[in-house]
């Protein structure tokens, strides 16, 4: 039986001396060879979620399993080792070592972690061959590979960070805005690489980006977060084309469409509450155009919603989609 790349169960996380959890996820699974997009407004808990998955932080409650290993049972040093051996990280800050060259930054995982060294050697013949393959795919020219990282442009640094994350063929890739500073042609190269490692290597990818074109082209599923919880999760084209949660409906409607002539973009009135000041009931109720009494009193859990012709249901945390509450909708 294939082990899932990621399994979260009954996760709750809060900073020290906080009474209520900042975010809570009842269940989330990512299979090997699958790409999952995590979306939502700034401050909704996406970065904290990535910190838990990568072992930088540990949840106070629940279980976080990555590739079958329970992260919250490992010591800090063992989590660091596991992260280096099995995960490829592309973060917005890049985290390159400024006085190492492009070549040295990319090959660093193979110097520190035996598994990454063995994988590159087994699949490409040598680490150097793998470095060359990644550099060619990302248009990092040979003359650039001996330049120090602190002398690179932002776009060049981002490509080096992507190459380093993919060296040694990690089993789970976590990418936070991997194409933000890149022009369209280079964006396509990174997206092609991520799709390739999923198809050919069976790696799983968790992606955060504001580029909806990237999401539609790359991802298998979409999870939309709001105020520390998953509001909606399902197959990518179902969530994009037929959103169910009122927040997701507003989010998709606010995306610019070059084929539609509008004087102004749609927007969702109000702002998301701070994670330490979430209102009673559904967190979206102060902004929801379809709010009714139960939304103000009880927080809904995810429930399956099926449309005609859909093979896989979308899961939505909204009282509008709970069968036993439909009569109370106003």
C-alpha atoms as a PDB file:
ATOM      1  CA  UNK A   1       0.000   0.000   0.000  1.00  0.00           C
ATOM      2  CA  UNK A   2       1.363   3.414  -0.999  1.00  0.00           C
ATOM      3  CA  UNK A   3       1.996   5.763   1.901  1.00  0.00           C
ATOM      4  CA  UNK A   4       0.368   9.190   1.558  1.00  0.00           C
ATOM      5  CA  UNK A   5       2.713  12.138   1.175  1.00  0.00           C
ATOM      6  CA  UNK A   6       0.778  14.061   3.829  1.00  0.00           C
ATOM      7  CA  UNK A   7      -1.902  13.242   6.396  1.00  0.00           C
ATOM      8  CA  UNK A   8      -3.264  15.807   8.842  1.00  0.00           C
ATOM      9  CA  UNK A   9      -5.809  14.760  11.462  1.00  0.00           C
ATOM     10  CA  UNK A  10      -7.474  16.989  14.077  1.00  0.00           C
ATOM     11  CA  UNK A  11      -4.686  19.565  13.903  1.00  0.00           C
ATOM     12  CA  UNK A  12      -4.793  22.580  16.228  1.00  0.00           C
ATOM     13  CA  UNK A  13      -2.013  25.140  16.454  1.00  0.00           C
ATOM     14  CA  UNK A  14      -1.545  28.212  18.612  1.00  0.00           C
ATOM     15  CA  UNK A  15       1.327  30.342  19.803  1.00  0.00           C
ATOM     16  CA  UNK A  16       2.342  30.127  23.486  1.00  0.00           C
ATOM     17  CA  UNK A  17      -0.040  31.787  25.964  1.00  0.00           C
ATOM     18  CA  UNK A  18      -2.932  31.854  23.489  1.00  0.00           C
ATOM     19  CA  UNK A  19      -6.117  30.228  24.724  1.00  0.00           C
ATOM     20  CA  UNK A  20      -7.699  29.503  21.339  1.00  0.00           C
ATOM     21  CA  UNK A  21      -6.024  27.777  18.370  1.00  0.00           C
ATOM     22  CA  UNK A  22      -4.952  30.079  15.544  1.00  0.00           C
ATOM     23  CA  UNK A  23      -6.014  27.480  13.046  1.00  0.00           C
ATOM     24  CA  UNK A  24      -7.572  24.028  13.081  1.00  0.00           C
ATOM     25  CA  UNK A  25      -7.756  21.397  10.345  1.00  0.00           C
ATOM     26  CA  UNK A  26      -9.858  18.294  10.931  1.00  0.00           C
ATOM     27  CA  UNK A  27      -8.427  16.343   8.002  1.00  0.00           C
ATOM     28  CA  UNK A  28      -6.206  16.931   4.981  1.00  0.00           C
ATOM     29  CA  UNK A  29      -4.503  14.333   2.782  1.00  0.00           C
ATOM     30  CA  UNK A  30      -2.063  14.703  -0.110  1.00  0.00           C
ATOM     31  CA  UNK A  31      -1.185  11.631  -2.143  1.00  0.00           C
ATOM     32  CA  UNK A  32       2.149  10.950  -3.828  1.00  0.00           C
ATOM     33  CA  UNK A  33       2.137  12.238  -7.392  1.00  0.00           C
ATOM     34  CA  UNK A  34      -0.567  14.812  -6.575  1.00  0.00           C
ATOM     35  CA  UNK A  35      -0.404  18.613  -6.626  1.00  0.00           C
ATOM     36  CA  UNK A  36      -2.499  20.546  -4.106  1.00  0.00           C
ATOM     37  CA  UNK A  37      -3.022  24.309  -4.116  1.00  0.00           C
ATOM     38  CA  UNK A  38      -3.567  26.044  -0.768  1.00  0.00           C
ATOM     39  CA  UNK A  39      -5.282  29.419  -1.196  1.00  0.00           C
ATOM     40  CA  UNK A  40      -6.905  32.099   0.889  1.00  0.00           C
ATOM     41  CA  UNK A  41      -6.443  35.700   2.038  1.00  0.00           C
ATOM     42  CA  UNK A  42      -3.277  36.962   3.696  1.00  0.00           C
ATOM     43  CA  UNK A  43      -3.227  36.008   7.362  1.00  0.00           C
ATOM     44  CA  UNK A  44      -5.567  33.008   6.996  1.00  0.00           C
ATOM     45  CA  UNK A  45      -2.969  30.508   8.272  1.00  0.00           C
ATOM     46  CA  UNK A  46      -1.298  29.282   5.076  1.00  0.00           C
ATOM     47  CA  UNK A  47       2.249  30.045   6.248  1.00  0.00           C
ATOM     48  CA  UNK A  48       1.627  28.469   9.673  1.00  0.00           C
ATOM     49  CA  UNK A  49       0.293  25.368   7.925  1.00  0.00           C
ATOM     50  CA  UNK A  50       3.453  25.102   5.824  1.00  0.00           C
ATOM     51  CA  UNK A  51       5.553  25.493   8.975  1.00  0.00           C
ATOM     52  CA  UNK A  52       3.769  22.495  10.515  1.00  0.00           C
ATOM     53  CA  UNK A  53       4.079  20.324   7.413  1.00  0.00           C
ATOM     54  CA  UNK A  54       7.800  21.029   7.122  1.00  0.00           C
ATOM     55  CA  UNK A  55       8.436  20.458  10.833  1.00  0.00           C
ATOM     56  CA  UNK A  56       9.490  24.021  11.582  1.00  0.00           C
ATOM     57  CA  UNK A  57       6.599  24.217  14.065  1.00  0.00           C
ATOM     58  CA  UNK A  58       4.690  21.465  15.904  1.00  0.00           C
ATOM     59  CA  UNK A  59       0.938  21.347  16.507  1.00  0.00           C
ATOM     60  CA  UNK A  60      -0.286  21.214  20.100  1.00  0.00           C
ATOM     61  CA  UNK A  61      -3.054  18.783  19.156  1.00  0.00           C
ATOM     62  CA  UNK A  62      -3.585  16.241  16.408  1.00  0.00           C
ATOM     63  CA  UNK A  63      -1.312  14.296  14.085  1.00  0.00           C
ATOM     64  CA  UNK A  64       0.850  15.451  11.185  1.00  0.00           C
ATOM     65  CA  UNK A  65       2.266  12.571   9.125  1.00  0.00           C
ATOM     66  CA  UNK A  66       4.631  13.260   6.251  1.00  0.00           C
ATOM     67  CA  UNK A  67       5.530  10.230   4.120  1.00  0.00           C
ATOM     68  CA  UNK A  68       4.346   8.004   6.956  1.00  0.00           C
ATOM     69  CA  UNK A  69       6.473   9.730   9.609  1.00  0.00           C
ATOM     70  CA  UNK A  70       4.657  11.439  12.481  1.00  0.00           C
ATOM     71  CA  UNK A  71       6.371  14.813  12.601  1.00  0.00           C
ATOM     72  CA  UNK A  72       5.152  15.840  16.055  1.00  0.00           C
ATOM     73  CA  UNK A  73       6.812  12.749  17.576  1.00  0.00           C
ATOM     74  CA  UNK A  74      10.278  13.679  16.287  1.00  0.00           C
ATOM     75  CA  UNK A  75      12.839  15.740  18.155  1.00  0.00           C
ATOM     76  CA  UNK A  76      13.744  19.137  16.641  1.00  0.00           C
ATOM     77  CA  UNK A  77      17.028  17.765  15.268  1.00  0.00           C
ATOM     78  CA  UNK A  78      15.276  14.716  13.771  1.00  0.00           C
ATOM     79  CA  UNK A  79      12.691  16.973  12.137  1.00  0.00           C
ATOM     80  CA  UNK A  80      15.496  19.028  10.607  1.00  0.00           C
ATOM     81  CA  UNK A  81      17.131  15.876   9.283  1.00  0.00           C
ATOM     82  CA  UNK A  82      13.858  14.510   7.902  1.00  0.00           C
ATOM     83  CA  UNK A  83      13.075  17.821   6.209  1.00  0.00           C
ATOM     84  CA  UNK A  84      16.458  17.922   4.526  1.00  0.00           C
ATOM     85  CA  UNK A  85      16.313  14.316   3.335  1.00  0.00           C
ATOM     86  CA  UNK A  86      12.743  14.180   2.019  1.00  0.00           C
ATOM     87  CA  UNK A  87      11.360  17.686   1.406  1.00  0.00           C
ATOM     88  CA  UNK A  88      12.167  20.301  -1.211  1.00  0.00           C
ATOM     89  CA  UNK A  89      11.296  23.834  -0.086  1.00  0.00           C
ATOM     90  CA  UNK A  90      10.799  26.884  -2.289  1.00  0.00           C
ATOM     91  CA  UNK A  91      10.051  29.840  -0.029  1.00  0.00           C
ATOM     92  CA  UNK A  92       9.513  33.491  -0.927  1.00  0.00           C
ATOM     93  CA  UNK A  93      12.701  34.526   0.893  1.00  0.00           C
ATOM     94  CA  UNK A  94      14.781  32.064  -1.217  1.00  0.00           C
ATOM     95  CA  UNK A  95      17.201  31.477   1.736  1.00  0.00           C
ATOM     96  CA  UNK A  96      20.266  31.191  -0.499  1.00  0.00           C
ATOM     97  CA  UNK A  97      23.697  31.339   1.114  1.00  0.00           C
ATOM     98  CA  UNK A  98      24.910  34.698  -0.255  1.00  0.00           C
ATOM     99  CA  UNK A  99      28.633  33.962  -0.512  1.00  0.00           C
ATOM    100  CA  UNK A 100      28.245  30.572  -2.179  1.00  0.00           C
ATOM    101  CA  UNK A 101      28.023  30.361  -5.944  1.00  0.00           C
ATOM    102  CA  UNK A 102      24.955  29.295  -7.881  1.00  0.00           C
ATOM    103  CA  UNK A 103      26.502  25.845  -8.361  1.00  0.00           C
ATOM    104  CA  UNK A 104      27.338  25.497  -4.660  1.00  0.00           C
ATOM    105  CA  UNK A 105      23.868  26.586  -3.531  1.00  0.00           C
ATOM    106  CA  UNK A 106      22.122  24.135  -5.839  1.00  0.00           C
ATOM    107  CA  UNK A 107      24.261  21.140  -4.872  1.00  0.00           C
ATOM    108  CA  UNK A 108      24.098  21.930  -1.140  1.00  0.00           C
ATOM    109  CA  UNK A 109      21.382  19.312  -0.337  1.00  0.00           C
ATOM    110  CA  UNK A 110      23.634  16.569  -1.739  1.00  0.00           C
ATOM    111  CA  UNK A 111      26.479  17.726   0.538  1.00  0.00           C
ATOM    112  CA  UNK A 112      24.327  17.634   3.663  1.00  0.00           C
ATOM    113  CA  UNK A 113      21.930  14.724   3.129  1.00  0.00           C
ATOM    114  CA  UNK A 114      22.860  11.231   1.933  1.00  0.00           C
ATOM    115  CA  UNK A 115      19.453  10.466   0.472  1.00  0.00           C
ATOM    116  CA  UNK A 116      19.559  13.489  -1.834  1.00  0.00           C
ATOM    117  CA  UNK A 117      23.104  12.524  -2.941  1.00  0.00           C
ATOM    118  CA  UNK A 118      22.078   8.935  -3.674  1.00  0.00           C
ATOM    119  CA  UNK A 119      18.941   9.943  -5.581  1.00  0.00           C
ATOM    120  CA  UNK A 120      20.787  12.321  -7.902  1.00  0.00           C
ATOM    121  CA  UNK A 121      23.518   9.753  -8.515  1.00  0.00           C
ATOM    122  CA  UNK A 122      21.103   6.873  -9.157  1.00  0.00           C
ATOM    123  CA  UNK A 123      18.814   8.774 -11.509  1.00  0.00           C
ATOM    124  CA  UNK A 124      21.265  11.063 -13.341  1.00  0.00           C
ATOM    125  CA  UNK A 125      24.660   9.381 -12.957  1.00  0.00           C
ATOM    126  CA  UNK A 126      26.123  12.160 -10.800  1.00  0.00           C
ATOM    127  CA  UNK A 127      25.143  15.226  -8.809  1.00  0.00           C
ATOM    128  CA  UNK A 128      26.794  17.426 -11.436  1.00  0.00           C
ATOM    129  CA  UNK A 129      24.650  15.897 -14.173  1.00  0.00           C
ATOM    130  CA  UNK A 130      21.523  16.628 -12.143  1.00  0.00           C
ATOM    131  CA  UNK A 131      22.661  20.208 -11.464  1.00  0.00           C
ATOM    132  CA  UNK A 132      23.282  20.699 -15.192  1.00  0.00           C
ATOM    133  CA  UNK A 133      19.841  19.315 -16.059  1.00  0.00           C
ATOM    134  CA  UNK A 134      18.092  21.646 -13.606  1.00  0.00           C
ATOM    135  CA  UNK A 135      20.115  24.678 -14.689  1.00  0.00           C
ATOM    136  CA  UNK A 136      19.366  24.034 -18.346  1.00  0.00           C
ATOM    137  CA  UNK A 137      15.644  23.655 -17.640  1.00  0.00           C
ATOM    138  CA  UNK A 138      15.578  26.927 -15.687  1.00  0.00           C
ATOM    139  CA  UNK A 139      17.781  28.888 -18.117  1.00  0.00           C
ATOM    140  CA  UNK A 140      20.619  29.346 -15.636  1.00  0.00           C
ATOM    141  CA  UNK A 141      23.426  29.791 -18.130  1.00  0.00           C
ATOM    142  CA  UNK A 142      26.870  28.171 -17.522  1.00  0.00           C
ATOM    143  CA  UNK A 143      28.547  31.562 -16.971  1.00  0.00           C
ATOM    144  CA  UNK A 144      26.041  32.332 -14.219  1.00  0.00           C
ATOM    145  CA  UNK A 145      26.709  29.156 -12.251  1.00  0.00           C
ATOM    146  CA  UNK A 146      29.995  30.431 -10.822  1.00  0.00           C
ATOM    147  CA  UNK A 147      28.550  33.761  -9.700  1.00  0.00           C
ATOM    148  CA  UNK A 148      27.896  34.351  -6.003  1.00  0.00           C
ATOM    149  CA  UNK A 149      24.264  34.334  -4.955  1.00  0.00           C
ATOM    150  CA  UNK A 150      24.375  37.886  -3.551  1.00  0.00           C
ATOM    151  CA  UNK A 151      25.183  39.183  -7.048  1.00  0.00           C
ATOM    152  CA  UNK A 152      22.078  37.680  -8.676  1.00  0.00           C
ATOM    153  CA  UNK A 153      18.861  39.407  -9.632  1.00  0.00           C
ATOM    154  CA  UNK A 154      15.685  38.500  -7.733  1.00  0.00           C
ATOM    155  CA  UNK A 155      14.447  36.346 -10.614  1.00  0.00           C
ATOM    156  CA  UNK A 156      17.784  34.527 -10.831  1.00  0.00           C
ATOM    157  CA  UNK A 157      17.748  33.879  -7.090  1.00  0.00           C
ATOM    158  CA  UNK A 158      14.256  32.430  -7.349  1.00  0.00           C
ATOM    159  CA  UNK A 159      15.339  30.025 -10.091  1.00  0.00           C
ATOM    160  CA  UNK A 160      18.370  28.928  -8.063  1.00  0.00           C
ATOM    161  CA  UNK A 161      16.117  28.292  -5.058  1.00  0.00           C
ATOM    162  CA  UNK A 162      13.826  26.163  -7.233  1.00  0.00           C
ATOM    163  CA  UNK A 163      16.755  24.147  -8.609  1.00  0.00           C
ATOM    164  CA  UNK A 164      18.127  23.552  -5.106  1.00  0.00           C
ATOM    165  CA  UNK A 165      14.712  22.379  -3.880  1.00  0.00           C
ATOM    166  CA  UNK A 166      14.451  19.837  -6.714  1.00  0.00           C
ATOM    167  CA  UNK A 167      17.998  18.460  -6.459  1.00  0.00           C
ATOM    168  CA  UNK A 168      18.012  14.910  -5.158  1.00  0.00           C
ATOM    169  CA  UNK A 169      14.371  14.325  -6.122  1.00  0.00           C
ATOM    170  CA  UNK A 170      12.599  14.975  -2.786  1.00  0.00           C
ATOM    171  CA  UNK A 171       9.323  13.158  -2.224  1.00  0.00           C
ATOM    172  CA  UNK A 172       7.353  16.240  -1.148  1.00  0.00           C
ATOM    173  CA  UNK A 173       7.861  19.720  -2.598  1.00  0.00           C
ATOM    174  CA  UNK A 174       6.466  22.725  -0.742  1.00  0.00           C
ATOM    175  CA  UNK A 175       6.393  25.818  -2.953  1.00  0.00           C
ATOM    176  CA  UNK A 176       5.350  29.220  -1.599  1.00  0.00           C
ATOM    177  CA  UNK A 177       4.893  31.672  -4.508  1.00  0.00           C
ATOM    178  CA  UNK A 178       7.563  29.957  -6.674  1.00  0.00           C
ATOM    179  CA  UNK A 179       6.919  32.111  -9.773  1.00  0.00           C
ATOM    180  CA  UNK A 180       6.268  35.587  -8.312  1.00  0.00           C
ATOM    181  CA  UNK A 181       9.444  37.357  -9.520  1.00  0.00           C
ATOM    182  CA  UNK A 182       9.682  35.622 -12.903  1.00  0.00           C
ATOM    183  CA  UNK A 183       8.656  36.561 -16.412  1.00  0.00           C
ATOM    184  CA  UNK A 184       6.075  34.429 -18.193  1.00  0.00           C
ATOM    185  CA  UNK A 185       8.534  32.203 -20.071  1.00  0.00           C
ATOM    186  CA  UNK A 186      10.513  31.305 -16.933  1.00  0.00           C
ATOM    187  CA  UNK A 187       7.281  30.763 -14.987  1.00  0.00           C
ATOM    188  CA  UNK A 188       6.383  28.153 -17.574  1.00  0.00           C
ATOM    189  CA  UNK A 189       9.745  26.426 -17.066  1.00  0.00           C
ATOM    190  CA  UNK A 190       9.231  26.106 -13.307  1.00  0.00           C
ATOM    191  CA  UNK A 191       5.658  24.888 -13.711  1.00  0.00           C
ATOM    192  CA  UNK A 192       6.840  22.346 -16.280  1.00  0.00           C
ATOM    193  CA  UNK A 193       9.484  21.103 -13.840  1.00  0.00           C
ATOM    194  CA  UNK A 194       6.963  20.742 -11.010  1.00  0.00           C
ATOM    195  CA  UNK A 195       4.585  18.810 -13.260  1.00  0.00           C
ATOM    196  CA  UNK A 196       7.461  16.619 -14.422  1.00  0.00           C
ATOM    197  CA  UNK A 197       8.566  15.626 -10.918  1.00  0.00           C
ATOM    198  CA  UNK A 198       4.961  14.688 -10.131  1.00  0.00           C
ATOM    199  CA  UNK A 199       4.496  12.556 -13.222  1.00  0.00           C
ATOM    200  CA  UNK A 200       7.916  10.944 -13.593  1.00  0.00           C
ATOM    201  CA  UNK A 201       9.155  10.821  -9.984  1.00  0.00           C
ATOM    202  CA  UNK A 202       5.848  10.465  -8.121  1.00  0.00           C
ATOM    203  CA  UNK A 203       6.578  13.463  -5.911  1.00  0.00           C
ATOM    204  CA  UNK A 204       3.761  15.363  -4.229  1.00  0.00           C
ATOM    205  CA  UNK A 205       3.587  19.157  -4.505  1.00  0.00           C
ATOM    206  CA  UNK A 206       1.917  21.629  -2.159  1.00  0.00           C
ATOM    207  CA  UNK A 207       1.667  25.013  -3.841  1.00  0.00           C
ATOM    208  CA  UNK A 208       0.785  28.512  -2.678  1.00  0.00           C
ATOM    209  CA  UNK A 209       0.424  31.146  -5.384  1.00  0.00           C
ATOM    210  CA  UNK A 210      -1.837  34.047  -6.382  1.00  0.00           C
ATOM    211  CA  UNK A 211      -1.507  33.164 -10.088  1.00  0.00           C
ATOM    212  CA  UNK A 212      -4.776  31.433 -11.009  1.00  0.00           C
ATOM    213  CA  UNK A 213      -3.379  30.459 -14.404  1.00  0.00           C
ATOM    214  CA  UNK A 214      -0.689  28.442 -12.635  1.00  0.00           C
ATOM    215  CA  UNK A 215      -3.310  26.783 -10.437  1.00  0.00           C
ATOM    216  CA  UNK A 216      -5.533  25.667 -13.311  1.00  0.00           C
ATOM    217  CA  UNK A 217      -2.585  24.357 -15.326  1.00  0.00           C
ATOM    218  CA  UNK A 218      -0.667  22.635 -12.553  1.00  0.00           C
ATOM    219  CA  UNK A 219      -2.849  21.504  -9.650  1.00  0.00           C
ATOM    220  CA  UNK A 220      -5.069  18.474  -9.152  1.00  0.00           C
ATOM    221  CA  UNK A 221      -6.975  19.833  -6.147  1.00  0.00           C
ATOM    222  CA  UNK A 222      -7.612  23.185  -4.492  1.00  0.00           C
ATOM    223  CA  UNK A 223      -8.025  23.886  -0.775  1.00  0.00           C
ATOM    224  CA  UNK A 224      -9.318  27.355   0.105  1.00  0.00           C
ATOM    225  CA  UNK A 225      -8.567  28.518   3.650  1.00  0.00           C
ATOM    226  CA  UNK A 226     -10.385  31.238   5.563  1.00  0.00           C
ATOM    227  CA  UNK A 227      -9.678  32.376   9.125  1.00  0.00           C
ATOM    228  CA  UNK A 228      -7.540  29.365  10.014  1.00  0.00           C
ATOM    229  CA  UNK A 229      -9.740  26.615   8.581  1.00  0.00           C
ATOM    230  CA  UNK A 230     -10.414  24.979   5.232  1.00  0.00           C
ATOM    231  CA  UNK A 231     -13.570  26.501   3.747  1.00  0.00           C
ATOM    232  CA  UNK A 232     -13.645  24.401   0.577  1.00  0.00           C
ATOM    233  CA  UNK A 233     -11.561  21.640  -1.002  1.00  0.00           C
ATOM    234  CA  UNK A 234     -12.048  19.710  -4.208  1.00  0.00           C
ATOM    235  CA  UNK A 235     -10.826  19.006  -7.752  1.00  0.00           C
ATOM    236  CA  UNK A 236      -9.271  22.103  -9.290  1.00  0.00           C
ATOM    237  CA  UNK A 237     -11.688  22.679 -12.169  1.00  0.00           C
ATOM    238  CA  UNK A 238     -14.737  22.109  -9.957  1.00  0.00           C
ATOM    239  CA  UNK A 239     -13.608  24.661  -7.381  1.00  0.00           C
ATOM    240  CA  UNK A 240     -12.549  27.235  -9.984  1.00  0.00           C
ATOM    241  CA  UNK A 241     -15.572  26.859 -12.288  1.00  0.00           C
ATOM    242  CA  UNK A 242     -18.260  25.894  -9.754  1.00  0.00           C
ATOM    243  CA  UNK A 243     -17.257  27.262  -6.324  1.00  0.00           C
ATOM    244  CA  UNK A 244     -19.653  26.392  -3.510  1.00  0.00           C
ATOM    245  CA  UNK A 245     -18.579  28.315  -0.391  1.00  0.00           C
ATOM    246  CA  UNK A 246     -19.679  31.988  -0.469  1.00  0.00           C
ATOM    247  CA  UNK A 247     -16.087  33.097   0.165  1.00  0.00           C
ATOM    248  CA  UNK A 248     -14.789  30.984  -2.738  1.00  0.00           C
ATOM    249  CA  UNK A 249     -17.574  32.335  -4.956  1.00  0.00           C
ATOM    250  CA  UNK A 250     -16.474  35.888  -4.132  1.00  0.00           C
ATOM    251  CA  UNK A 251     -12.806  35.013  -4.567  1.00  0.00           C
ATOM    252  CA  UNK A 252     -13.316  33.567  -8.038  1.00  0.00           C
ATOM    253  CA  UNK A 253     -15.557  36.464  -9.071  1.00  0.00           C
ATOM    254  CA  UNK A 254     -12.832  38.953  -8.095  1.00  0.00           C
ATOM    255  CA  UNK A 255     -10.283  37.470 -10.506  1.00  0.00           C
ATOM    256  CA  UNK A 256      -9.789  39.706 -13.592  1.00  0.00           C
ATOM    257  CA  UNK A 257     -11.174  38.283 -16.847  1.00  0.00           C
ATOM    258  CA  UNK A 258      -9.727  39.870 -19.971  1.00  0.00           C
ATOM    259  CA  UNK A 259     -12.714  38.650 -22.022  1.00  0.00           C
ATOM    260  CA  UNK A 260     -15.232  40.566 -19.884  1.00  0.00           C
ATOM    261  CA  UNK A 261     -15.585  44.350 -20.068  1.00  0.00           C
ATOM    262  CA  UNK A 262     -15.949  45.707 -16.525  1.00  0.00           C
ATOM    263  CA  UNK A 263     -15.644  49.195 -15.121  1.00  0.00           C
ATOM    264  CA  UNK A 264     -14.450  47.765 -11.805  1.00  0.00           C
ATOM    265  CA  UNK A 265     -13.539  44.386 -10.335  1.00  0.00           C
ATOM    266  CA  UNK A 266     -15.878  42.552  -8.006  1.00  0.00           C
ATOM    267  CA  UNK A 267     -14.762  42.506  -4.389  1.00  0.00           C
ATOM    268  CA  UNK A 268     -15.826  41.000  -1.087  1.00  0.00           C
ATOM    269  CA  UNK A 269     -16.900  43.702   1.357  1.00  0.00           C
ATOM    270  CA  UNK A 270     -15.149  43.823   4.725  1.00  0.00           C
ATOM    271  CA  UNK A 271     -11.997  42.043   5.866  1.00  0.00           C
ATOM    272  CA  UNK A 272     -11.109  38.659   7.297  1.00  0.00           C
ATOM    273  CA  UNK A 273     -11.014  38.697  11.130  1.00  0.00           C
ATOM    274  CA  UNK A 274      -7.710  38.283  12.925  1.00  0.00           C
ATOM    275  CA  UNK A 275      -7.046  34.673  13.863  1.00  0.00           C
ATOM    276  CA  UNK A 276      -7.135  35.572  17.555  1.00  0.00           C
ATOM    277  CA  UNK A 277     -10.508  37.339  17.191  1.00  0.00           C
ATOM    278  CA  UNK A 278     -12.653  34.943  15.137  1.00  0.00           C
ATOM    279  CA  UNK A 279     -16.410  35.535  15.624  1.00  0.00           C
ATOM    280  CA  UNK A 280     -18.814  32.930  16.943  1.00  0.00           C
ATOM    281  CA  UNK A 281     -20.280  30.580  14.351  1.00  0.00           C
ATOM    282  CA  UNK A 282     -18.972  30.638  10.789  1.00  0.00           C
ATOM    283  CA  UNK A 283     -15.968  32.961  10.547  1.00  0.00           C
ATOM    284  CA  UNK A 284     -17.237  34.332   7.225  1.00  0.00           C
ATOM    285  CA  UNK A 285     -20.649  35.343   8.606  1.00  0.00           C
ATOM    286  CA  UNK A 286     -19.885  39.114   8.960  1.00  0.00           C
ATOM    287  CA  UNK A 287     -19.150  39.285   5.215  1.00  0.00           C
ATOM    288  CA  UNK A 288     -21.482  36.630   3.822  1.00  0.00           C
ATOM    289  CA  UNK A 289     -24.375  37.795   1.614  1.00  0.00           C
ATOM    290  CA  UNK A 290     -26.314  34.583   2.400  1.00  0.00           C
ATOM    291  CA  UNK A 291     -25.912  34.495   6.176  1.00  0.00           C
ATOM    292  CA  UNK A 292     -28.769  33.122   8.289  1.00  0.00           C
ATOM    293  CA  UNK A 293     -29.307  32.403  11.983  1.00  0.00           C
ATOM    294  CA  UNK A 294     -27.352  29.166  12.289  1.00  0.00           C
ATOM    295  CA  UNK A 295     -24.282  30.792  10.694  1.00  0.00           C
ATOM    296  CA  UNK A 296     -24.128  33.165  13.674  1.00  0.00           C
ATOM    297  CA  UNK A 297     -24.231  30.395  16.287  1.00  0.00           C
ATOM    298  CA  UNK A 298     -22.416  27.268  15.050  1.00  0.00           C
ATOM    299  CA  UNK A 299     -19.245  26.675  13.053  1.00  0.00           C
ATOM    300  CA  UNK A 300     -19.864  24.255  10.146  1.00  0.00           C
ATOM    301  CA  UNK A 301     -17.575  21.317   9.409  1.00  0.00           C
ATOM    302  CA  UNK A 302     -16.643  20.201   5.905  1.00  0.00           C
ATOM    303  CA  UNK A 303     -19.424  18.281   4.147  1.00  0.00           C
ATOM    304  CA  UNK A 304     -19.464  16.646   0.712  1.00  0.00           C
ATOM    305  CA  UNK A 305     -21.328  18.468  -2.066  1.00  0.00           C
ATOM    306  CA  UNK A 306     -21.904  16.645  -5.354  1.00  0.00           C
ATOM    307  CA  UNK A 307     -23.027  18.174  -8.633  1.00  0.00           C
ATOM    308  CA  UNK A 308     -24.434  16.195 -11.521  1.00  0.00           C
ATOM    309  CA  UNK A 309     -21.642  14.763 -13.645  1.00  0.00           C
ATOM    310  CA  UNK A 310     -18.937  15.168 -11.002  1.00  0.00           C
ATOM    311  CA  UNK A 311     -16.976  12.054 -10.113  1.00  0.00           C
ATOM    312  CA  UNK A 312     -15.394  13.510  -6.977  1.00  0.00           C
ATOM    313  CA  UNK A 313     -17.434  15.679  -4.599  1.00  0.00           C
ATOM    314  CA  UNK A 314     -16.237  19.027  -3.315  1.00  0.00           C
ATOM    315  CA  UNK A 315     -16.141  19.418   0.469  1.00  0.00           C
ATOM    316  CA  UNK A 316     -17.527  22.680   1.812  1.00  0.00           C
ATOM    317  CA  UNK A 317     -17.735  24.118   5.340  1.00  0.00           C
ATOM    318  CA  UNK A 318     -20.991  26.043   4.938  1.00  0.00           C
ATOM    319  CA  UNK A 319     -24.448  25.586   6.431  1.00  0.00           C
ATOM    320  CA  UNK A 320     -25.978  26.295   3.019  1.00  0.00           C
ATOM    321  CA  UNK A 321     -24.688  22.889   1.912  1.00  0.00           C
ATOM    322  CA  UNK A 322     -25.672  20.832   4.940  1.00  0.00           C
ATOM    323  CA  UNK A 323     -28.812  18.950   3.926  1.00  0.00           C
ATOM    324  CA  UNK A 324     -30.434  19.229   7.331  1.00  0.00           C
ATOM    325  CA  UNK A 325     -30.219  23.053   7.303  1.00  0.00           C
ATOM    326  CA  UNK A 326     -31.495  23.864   3.824  1.00  0.00           C
ATOM    327  CA  UNK A 327     -35.026  24.516   5.057  1.00  0.00           C
ATOM    328  CA  UNK A 328     -33.685  27.265   7.313  1.00  0.00           C
ATOM    329  CA  UNK A 329     -31.917  29.192   4.567  1.00  0.00           C
ATOM    330  CA  UNK A 330     -33.300  32.692   4.145  1.00  0.00           C
END
